Amino acid sequence: MNFTPELVGIGKYSGEMAQWLHAKGHEVRVIASPPFFPHWVPFDGHRAWAYSKTECDGITVWRAPTWVPARPRALARLAHLLSFMVSSVPLLFGQIRWKPDIVFVVEPPLMCAPAVLFFSRMLGIKSWLHIQDYEVDAAFDLGLVRGARMRRMALSMERWLLGRFHRVSTISAAMLDKARGKGIDETRLVLLPNWVDVRAIFPQPAPPTADGPRLPNGYRAALGIAADEVVVLYAGSLGNKQGIELLADAAHRLVAAAHIHFVLCGNGPSREPLKAACADLPRVHFLDLHPAERHSERLGMATLPVLPQRADAADLVMPSKLAGMLASGKPVIVTAHEGTELSRVVAGRGLVVPPGDADALADAIARLAVSRPQREAMGAAARAFAETELDRNAILLRLEQELLRCVA
């Protein structure tokens, strides 16, 4: 069977999905942009304005020319997505002679959906839309695009597009409810949560191996943070959906707590303003993101992984980084309103505080910082949830069954 992901880039989940399906004997081809995230600069060996074709672990990957803005603001992001939409069309229609069984497109960007639908209808094959973010709702709710008339038009077009895919999947129960509200029939909906490789990400410090004890956490050692000190860790994109400025406010409120460090690991448009806001705080550290093979060690540095979210992004996205946090066996602190999907997942496995409330966030950090038994109990519950509900192999097996069912 041939599966063709149509992707913006081979991100963590899309890449793992393609590799897993290929390993199961399915033929997979990928159309993607040049890799550029999170620095918004094409990776070494890639050019923004060139077509290319490579083989990646047995998977054919075509790269479409894509404009990558140095400052990814609203209009620049729109132009960025538009450039990929236009340049990817020849690559997509270049697959006509191959004729896959199903074409799989990931939103964002929804802009690619019309070409995918036309391609699938022309060949008489199945189409699948997977929604990581509701980008239309998020763009208006976050104030990136404004205007009631513009919103009505955009939502109407989105509803029309969603209604023409053979399958629509998304990553949480709340996001499935939103898809139902957009008119998607229940028989075409699939829950496909973000997964985690629980064998690659595990609680640290890890037990001794046959070769002797594990080394101390390298990140803590490099930053001069003692093993018994508390590390509040944020690792991920420093963008405008995260409400990341709340971490600076909480750090200021905890400046007198000499045993608490904040480590902010990532890149994005909010990094420099955040560094400026923390310039006078000696126990706030900034790191770039490191290779994926060090992801478990990076999470292992944390005492308390923290996940801020803006209130107006609630239930429009389910942060993919949450799965790794839970698998690391640490109690997670999130900002979310009660009753949202994010708050339900974290309940009993960490603490939930109201979005935008720096006092509540600082208080939650301070409470867990002095209560090791509570941290250990919540961390064990988080790990158990990751193992039973978010295991990569189990979720991808279900995906494979749904793909086969869709084609049948």
Protein backbone atom coordinates (compact mmCIF):
# COMPACT_ATOMS: atom_id res chain seq x y z
CA MET A 1 0.00 0.00 0.00
CA ASN A 2 1.24 3.51 -0.82
CA PHE A 3 0.86 6.36 1.65
CA THR A 4 1.87 9.87 0.61
CA PRO A 5 2.23 12.44 3.40
CA GLU A 6 1.91 16.00 2.10
CA LEU A 7 3.72 17.96 4.81
CA VAL A 8 5.06 21.43 5.54
CA GLY A 9 8.21 19.83 6.89
CA ILE A 10 9.32 16.53 8.25
CA GLY A 11 8.69 17.47 11.84
CA LYS A 12 9.02 15.13 14.76
CA TYR A 13 5.62 13.45 14.48
CA SER A 14 5.32 13.52 10.69
CA GLY A 15 8.81 12.12 10.28
CA GLU A 16 8.27 9.37 12.83
CA MET A 17 4.95 8.45 11.22
CA ALA A 18 6.55 8.19 7.77
CA GLN A 19 9.44 6.10 9.09
CA TRP A 20 7.13 3.80 11.06
CA LEU A 21 4.86 3.16 8.08
CA HIS A 22 7.87 2.54 5.83
CA ALA A 23 9.26 0.04 8.35
CA LYS A 24 5.90 -1.77 8.27
CA GLY A 25 6.29 -2.31 4.53
CA HIS A 26 4.26 0.61 3.15
CA GLU A 27 5.68 2.80 0.42
CA VAL A 28 5.92 6.39 1.61
CA ARG A 29 6.78 9.56 -0.26
CA VAL A 30 7.02 12.98 1.36
CA ILE A 31 6.67 16.53 0.04
CA ALA A 32 8.06 19.10 2.46
CA SER A 33 9.63 22.51 2.78
CA PRO A 34 13.34 22.94 3.49
CA PRO A 35 13.83 22.39 7.24
CA PHE A 36 14.07 25.73 9.05
CA PHE A 37 12.38 25.50 12.47
CA PRO A 38 12.88 26.78 15.16
CA HIS A 39 15.49 29.33 14.03
CA TRP A 40 13.62 30.34 10.84
CA VAL A 41 16.80 29.81 8.85
CA PRO A 42 17.23 26.91 6.38
CA PHE A 43 19.38 24.16 7.84
CA ASP A 44 22.90 23.65 6.55
CA GLY A 45 22.84 21.81 3.24
CA HIS A 46 19.37 23.13 2.34
CA ARG A 47 18.36 26.11 0.23
CA ALA A 48 15.10 27.97 0.61
CA TRP A 49 14.62 28.67 -3.12
CA ALA A 50 15.54 25.33 -4.68
CA TYR A 51 13.74 22.09 -5.45
CA SER A 52 15.54 19.00 -4.20
CA LYS A 53 15.05 15.27 -3.93
CA THR A 54 16.69 13.01 -1.36
CA GLU A 55 16.35 9.53 0.10
CA CYS A 56 15.83 9.49 3.87
CA ASP A 57 15.93 6.01 5.43
CA GLY A 58 14.33 4.55 2.31
CA ILE A 59 11.74 7.33 2.01
CA THR A 60 11.79 9.64 -1.00
CA VAL A 61 11.62 13.27 0.13
CA TRP A 62 10.97 16.18 -2.20
CA ARG A 63 11.68 19.69 -0.91
CA ALA A 64 9.66 22.57 -2.35
CA PRO A 65 11.07 26.12 -2.52
CA THR A 66 9.71 28.11 0.42
CA TRP A 67 10.24 31.68 1.54
CA VAL A 68 11.51 31.66 5.13
CA PRO A 69 11.10 35.09 6.77
CA ALA A 70 13.71 36.24 9.24
CA ARG A 71 10.95 37.77 11.40
CA PRO A 72 7.88 35.48 11.28
CA ARG A 73 5.12 37.98 11.98
CA ALA A 74 1.53 37.57 10.84
CA LEU A 75 1.79 38.74 7.21
CA ALA A 76 5.22 37.14 6.82
CA ARG A 77 3.88 33.79 8.04
CA LEU A 78 1.00 34.05 5.57
CA ALA A 79 3.42 34.70 2.70
CA HIS A 80 5.62 31.84 3.93
CA LEU A 81 2.72 29.37 3.80
CA LEU A 82 1.54 30.73 0.47
CA SER A 83 5.00 30.21 -1.08
CA PHE A 84 4.99 26.54 -0.04
CA MET A 85 1.44 26.03 -1.24
CA VAL A 86 2.34 27.26 -4.74
CA SER A 87 5.72 25.54 -5.06
CA SER A 88 4.52 22.18 -3.74
CA VAL A 89 1.77 21.78 -6.36
CA PRO A 90 4.10 20.58 -9.18
CA LEU A 91 5.64 18.03 -6.82
CA LEU A 92 2.23 16.77 -5.75
CA PHE A 93 1.00 16.34 -9.32
CA GLY A 94 4.32 14.72 -10.19
CA GLN A 95 2.99 11.69 -8.28
CA ILE A 96 0.21 11.03 -10.81
CA ARG A 97 2.02 8.12 -12.47
CA TRP A 98 2.79 6.59 -9.07
CA LYS A 99 -0.87 6.87 -8.02
CA PRO A 100 -0.81 6.38 -4.24
CA ASP A 101 -3.72 4.86 -2.37
CA ILE A 102 -4.12 7.82 -0.02
CA VAL A 103 -2.78 11.36 0.27
CA PHE A 104 -2.25 12.64 3.82
CA VAL A 105 -2.00 16.38 4.52
CA VAL A 106 -1.18 17.99 7.86
CA GLU A 107 -2.69 21.30 8.99
CA PRO A 108 -1.06 23.77 9.30
CA PRO A 109 -1.08 24.73 6.51
CA LEU A 110 -4.70 24.37 5.47
CA MET A 111 -3.69 26.23 2.29
CA CYS A 112 -2.47 22.95 0.81
CA ALA A 113 -5.88 21.30 1.18
CA PRO A 114 -7.45 22.46 -2.14
CA ALA A 115 -4.62 21.01 -4.24
CA VAL A 116 -4.69 17.76 -2.26
CA LEU A 117 -8.45 17.42 -2.70
CA PHE A 118 -8.24 18.10 -6.45
CA PHE A 119 -5.38 15.60 -6.79
CA SER A 120 -7.24 12.86 -4.89
CA ARG A 121 -10.50 13.39 -6.80
CA MET A 122 -8.69 13.40 -10.14
CA LEU A 123 -7.04 10.04 -9.38
CA GLY A 124 -10.01 8.55 -7.52
CA ILE A 125 -7.97 7.98 -4.35
CA LYS A 126 -8.63 8.72 -0.67
CA SER A 127 -7.72 11.96 1.14
CA TRP A 128 -6.91 12.48 4.82
CA LEU A 129 -6.52 15.76 6.71
CA HIS A 130 -4.74 15.70 10.07
CA ILE A 131 -5.21 18.81 12.23
CA GLN A 132 -2.39 19.66 14.60
CA ASP A 133 -3.63 23.26 15.11
CA TYR A 134 -6.87 24.95 14.14
CA GLU A 135 -4.94 27.70 12.45
CA VAL A 136 -7.97 29.69 11.26
CA ASP A 137 -9.47 29.92 14.76
CA ALA A 138 -6.06 30.55 16.31
CA ALA A 139 -5.19 33.33 13.86
CA PHE A 140 -8.33 35.29 14.80
CA ASP A 141 -8.40 34.42 18.51
CA LEU A 142 -4.75 35.43 18.94
CA GLY A 143 -5.34 38.70 17.08
CA LEU A 144 -3.04 37.84 14.17
CA VAL A 145 -5.93 38.45 11.74
CA ARG A 146 -8.92 40.70 12.47
CA GLY A 147 -12.36 41.46 11.13
CA ALA A 148 -15.74 39.78 11.69
CA ARG A 149 -16.49 39.53 7.97
CA MET A 150 -13.05 38.11 7.23
CA ARG A 151 -13.53 35.54 10.00
CA ARG A 152 -16.89 34.41 8.66
CA MET A 153 -15.42 33.97 5.19
CA ALA A 154 -12.38 32.07 6.46
CA LEU A 155 -14.45 29.74 8.67
CA SER A 156 -16.90 29.09 5.84
CA MET A 157 -14.05 28.14 3.50
CA GLU A 158 -12.50 25.95 6.20
CA ARG A 159 -15.80 24.15 6.78
CA TRP A 160 -16.19 23.53 3.05
CA LEU A 161 -12.68 22.07 2.77
CA LEU A 162 -12.95 19.87 5.87
CA GLY A 163 -16.20 18.42 4.63
CA ARG A 164 -14.57 17.02 1.50
CA PHE A 165 -11.86 14.84 3.05
CA HIS A 166 -12.50 11.12 3.45
CA ARG A 167 -10.96 11.27 6.94
CA VAL A 168 -10.24 14.10 9.36
CA SER A 169 -8.07 13.38 12.39
CA THR A 170 -6.88 15.53 15.24
CA ILE A 171 -4.97 15.20 18.48
CA SER A 172 -7.42 15.56 21.39
CA ALA A 173 -11.04 14.92 22.35
CA ALA A 174 -11.74 18.66 22.58
CA MET A 175 -10.35 19.21 19.09
CA LEU A 176 -12.53 16.35 17.81
CA ASP A 177 -15.53 18.13 19.34
CA LYS A 178 -14.54 21.27 17.47
CA ALA A 179 -14.37 19.26 14.22
CA ARG A 180 -17.91 17.99 14.89
CA GLY A 181 -18.97 21.59 15.38
CA LYS A 182 -17.54 22.36 11.95
CA GLY A 183 -19.86 19.80 10.41
CA ILE A 184 -17.59 16.75 10.10
CA ASP A 185 -19.54 13.51 10.21
CA GLU A 186 -18.65 11.17 13.09
CA THR A 187 -17.86 8.30 10.72
CA ARG A 188 -15.01 10.29 9.19
CA LEU A 189 -13.39 11.47 12.44
CA VAL A 190 -10.29 9.83 13.92
CA LEU A 191 -8.50 10.58 17.21
CA LEU A 192 -4.74 10.59 16.57
CA PRO A 193 -3.01 12.00 19.66
CA ASN A 194 0.57 13.15 19.74
CA TRP A 195 2.63 10.20 20.87
CA VAL A 196 5.89 9.67 22.68
CA ASP A 197 8.54 6.98 22.48
CA VAL A 198 8.50 5.88 26.11
CA ARG A 199 11.66 3.87 25.53
CA ALA A 200 13.61 6.92 24.35
CA ILE A 201 12.23 9.33 26.99
CA PHE A 202 12.28 7.96 30.51
CA PRO A 203 12.55 9.20 34.09
CA GLN A 204 16.02 10.37 35.09
CA PRO A 205 18.38 9.93 36.74
CA ALA A 206 18.26 6.48 35.18
CA PRO A 207 19.29 3.41 37.19
CA PRO A 208 22.85 2.05 36.84
CA THR A 209 23.62 -0.05 33.79
CA ALA A 210 25.89 -3.07 33.37
CA ASP A 211 28.67 -0.63 32.53
CA GLY A 212 28.28 1.26 35.79
CA PRO A 213 26.30 4.27 37.07
CA ARG A 214 24.88 6.86 34.74
CA LEU A 215 26.72 10.14 34.46
CA PRO A 216 25.24 13.21 36.21
CA ASN A 217 22.92 15.31 34.07
CA GLY A 218 25.11 17.16 31.59
CA TYR A 219 22.81 20.15 31.30
CA ARG A 220 22.83 20.80 35.03
CA ALA A 221 26.60 20.41 35.15
CA ALA A 222 27.09 22.87 32.27
CA LEU A 223 24.87 25.47 33.98
CA GLY A 224 26.39 24.94 37.43
CA ILE A 225 23.11 23.77 38.96
CA ALA A 226 23.45 21.30 41.83
CA ALA A 227 21.56 18.01 41.82
CA ASP A 228 19.45 19.04 44.84
CA GLU A 229 18.37 22.40 43.41
CA VAL A 230 14.99 22.88 41.73
CA VAL A 231 14.92 23.46 37.96
CA VAL A 232 11.79 24.91 36.35
CA LEU A 233 12.16 23.98 32.68
CA TYR A 234 10.45 25.26 29.57
CA ALA A 235 11.70 23.62 26.35
CA GLY A 236 10.14 24.43 23.01
CA SER A 237 9.25 27.23 20.66
CA LEU A 238 9.37 30.74 22.15
CA GLY A 239 6.44 32.08 20.18
CA ASN A 240 3.30 34.12 20.65
CA LYS A 241 0.91 31.22 21.35
CA GLN A 242 2.74 30.18 24.50
CA GLY A 243 2.22 33.18 26.78
CA ILE A 244 5.89 32.73 27.53
CA GLU A 245 6.26 36.15 29.17
CA LEU A 246 4.53 34.67 32.23
CA LEU A 247 7.72 32.76 33.06
CA ALA A 248 9.66 36.00 33.44
CA ASP A 249 6.99 37.35 35.77
CA ALA A 250 7.07 34.18 37.89
CA ALA A 251 10.87 34.23 38.01
CA HIS A 252 10.80 37.80 39.34
CA ARG A 253 8.38 36.74 42.09
CA LEU A 254 10.69 33.87 43.11
CA VAL A 255 13.93 35.81 42.93
CA ALA A 256 14.50 35.36 46.69
CA ALA A 257 14.24 31.55 46.42
CA ALA A 258 17.93 30.76 46.01
CA HIS A 259 17.31 27.06 45.33
CA ILE A 260 15.02 27.62 42.31
CA HIS A 261 16.43 28.02 38.79
CA PHE A 262 14.55 28.69 35.57
CA VAL A 263 15.90 27.15 32.35
CA LEU A 264 14.29 28.37 29.11
CA CYS A 265 15.35 26.21 26.21
CA GLY A 266 14.31 27.14 22.70
CA ASN A 267 14.18 29.77 19.99
CA GLY A 268 11.56 31.99 18.45
CA PRO A 269 10.36 35.59 18.19
CA SER A 270 9.79 35.92 21.95
CA ARG A 271 13.31 34.88 22.98
CA GLU A 272 15.01 38.28 22.91
CA PRO A 273 12.19 40.14 24.73
CA LEU A 274 12.19 37.35 27.31
CA LYS A 275 15.96 37.62 27.80
CA ALA A 276 15.62 41.36 28.28
CA ALA A 277 12.89 40.84 30.89
CA CYS A 278 15.13 38.41 32.79
CA ALA A 279 18.39 40.33 32.44
CA ASP A 280 18.65 41.04 36.19
CA LEU A 281 17.75 37.51 37.31
CA PRO A 282 20.89 35.43 38.01
CA ARG A 283 19.12 32.09 38.15
CA VAL A 284 17.37 32.31 34.79
CA HIS A 285 19.30 30.45 32.08
CA PHE A 286 18.74 30.35 28.31
CA LEU A 287 19.71 27.43 26.08
CA ASP A 288 19.28 26.60 22.42
CA LEU A 289 17.47 23.41 21.53
CA HIS A 290 19.85 20.48 21.19
CA PRO A 291 19.71 17.30 19.05
CA ALA A 292 16.76 14.97 19.51
CA GLU A 293 18.97 12.27 20.97
CA ARG A 294 19.50 14.48 24.03
CA HIS A 295 15.78 15.14 24.51
CA SER A 296 15.41 12.73 27.43
CA GLU A 297 18.49 14.19 29.13
CA ARG A 298 17.14 17.71 28.62
CA LEU A 299 13.83 16.78 30.23
CA GLY A 300 15.74 14.91 32.95
CA MET A 301 17.34 18.21 33.98
CA ALA A 302 13.93 19.43 35.16
CA THR A 303 12.41 19.19 38.58
CA LEU A 304 9.27 20.90 37.31
CA PRO A 305 8.59 21.09 33.56
CA VAL A 306 6.28 24.02 32.89
CA LEU A 307 3.93 24.61 29.97
CA PRO A 308 2.44 28.11 29.68
CA GLN A 309 -0.44 28.66 27.26
CA ARG A 310 -2.40 31.76 26.41
CA ALA A 311 -6.03 31.56 27.48
CA ASP A 312 -7.27 32.31 23.95
CA ALA A 313 -5.35 29.31 22.58
CA ALA A 314 -7.06 26.81 24.90
CA ASP A 315 -8.40 23.74 23.09
CA LEU A 316 -7.32 25.14 19.71
CA VAL A 317 -4.01 23.34 20.18
CA MET A 318 -2.75 20.47 22.32
CA PRO A 319 0.97 21.15 22.82
CA SER A 320 3.01 18.29 21.39
CA LYS A 321 5.73 18.84 23.99
CA LEU A 322 3.35 17.71 26.76
CA ALA A 323 3.76 14.02 25.85
CA GLY A 324 7.51 14.12 26.46
CA MET A 325 7.06 15.98 29.72
CA LEU A 326 4.68 13.30 31.00
CA ALA A 327 6.98 10.48 29.83
CA SER A 328 9.88 12.02 31.74
CA GLY A 329 8.09 11.17 34.99
CA LYS A 330 8.00 14.72 36.33
CA PRO A 331 5.00 16.72 37.61
CA VAL A 332 3.94 19.21 34.96
CA ILE A 333 2.72 22.73 35.69
CA VAL A 334 0.44 24.12 32.97
CA THR A 335 -1.56 27.30 32.54
CA ALA A 336 -5.09 26.43 31.44
CA HIS A 337 -8.67 27.02 32.46
CA GLU A 338 -10.45 24.25 34.33
CA GLY A 339 -12.47 22.03 32.03
CA THR A 340 -10.15 22.34 29.02
CA GLU A 341 -8.56 19.25 27.51
CA LEU A 342 -5.14 20.37 28.72
CA SER A 343 -6.34 20.66 32.32
CA ARG A 344 -7.98 17.23 32.20
CA VAL A 345 -4.81 15.55 30.96
CA VAL A 346 -2.62 17.18 33.63
CA ALA A 347 -5.01 16.72 36.58
CA GLY A 348 -3.37 14.46 39.16
CA ARG A 349 -0.13 14.47 37.15
CA GLY A 350 0.82 18.04 37.94
CA LEU A 351 -0.78 21.39 38.74
CA VAL A 352 -3.06 23.59 36.64
CA VAL A 353 -3.04 27.36 37.16
CA PRO A 354 -5.10 30.06 35.42
CA PRO A 355 -3.57 31.52 32.23
CA GLY A 356 -1.89 34.87 32.69
CA ASP A 357 -1.72 34.61 36.49
CA ALA A 358 1.94 34.99 37.44
CA ASP A 359 1.17 34.89 41.17
CA ALA A 360 -0.60 31.54 40.83
CA LEU A 361 2.22 30.14 38.70
CA ALA A 362 4.88 31.26 41.19
CA ASP A 363 2.85 29.81 44.07
CA ALA A 364 2.49 26.44 42.28
CA ILE A 365 6.24 26.31 41.64
CA ALA A 366 7.02 27.21 45.25
CA ARG A 367 4.60 24.58 46.64
CA LEU A 368 5.97 21.73 44.57
CA ALA A 369 9.57 22.86 45.09
CA VAL A 370 9.34 22.06 48.81
CA SER A 371 7.25 18.87 48.55
CA ARG A 372 9.28 16.00 47.15
CA PRO A 373 6.66 13.32 48.04
CA GLN A 374 4.02 15.21 46.06
CA ARG A 375 6.40 15.63 43.12
CA GLU A 376 7.22 11.93 43.10
CA ALA A 377 3.57 10.85 43.27
CA MET A 378 2.53 13.17 40.45
CA GLY A 379 5.57 12.22 38.39
CA ALA A 380 4.79 8.50 38.71
CA ALA A 381 1.20 9.16 37.61
CA ALA A 382 2.46 11.18 34.63
CA ARG A 383 4.77 8.37 33.52
CA ALA A 384 2.03 5.75 33.89
CA PHE A 385 -0.31 7.86 31.73
CA ALA A 386 2.34 8.22 29.02
CA GLU A 387 2.95 4.47 28.98
CA THR A 388 -0.73 3.51 28.75
CA GLU A 389 -2.21 6.32 26.62
CA LEU A 390 0.58 7.94 24.59
CA ASP A 391 2.87 5.07 23.55
CA ARG A 392 4.06 5.63 19.98
CA ASN A 393 3.80 2.06 18.76
CA ALA A 394 0.24 1.58 20.04
CA ILE A 395 -0.99 4.84 18.49
CA LEU A 396 0.67 4.20 15.12
CA LEU A 397 -0.76 0.68 15.02
CA ARG A 398 -4.22 2.24 15.38
CA LEU A 399 -3.35 4.75 12.66
CA GLU A 400 -2.31 1.95 10.31
CA GLN A 401 -5.62 0.16 10.92
CA GLU A 402 -7.56 3.37 10.21
CA LEU A 403 -5.58 3.97 7.01
CA LEU A 404 -6.34 0.44 5.81
CA ARG A 405 -10.01 0.88 6.75
CA CYS A 406 -10.16 4.20 4.87
CA VAL A 407 -8.74 2.65 1.70
CA ALA A 408 -11.00 -0.41 2.00
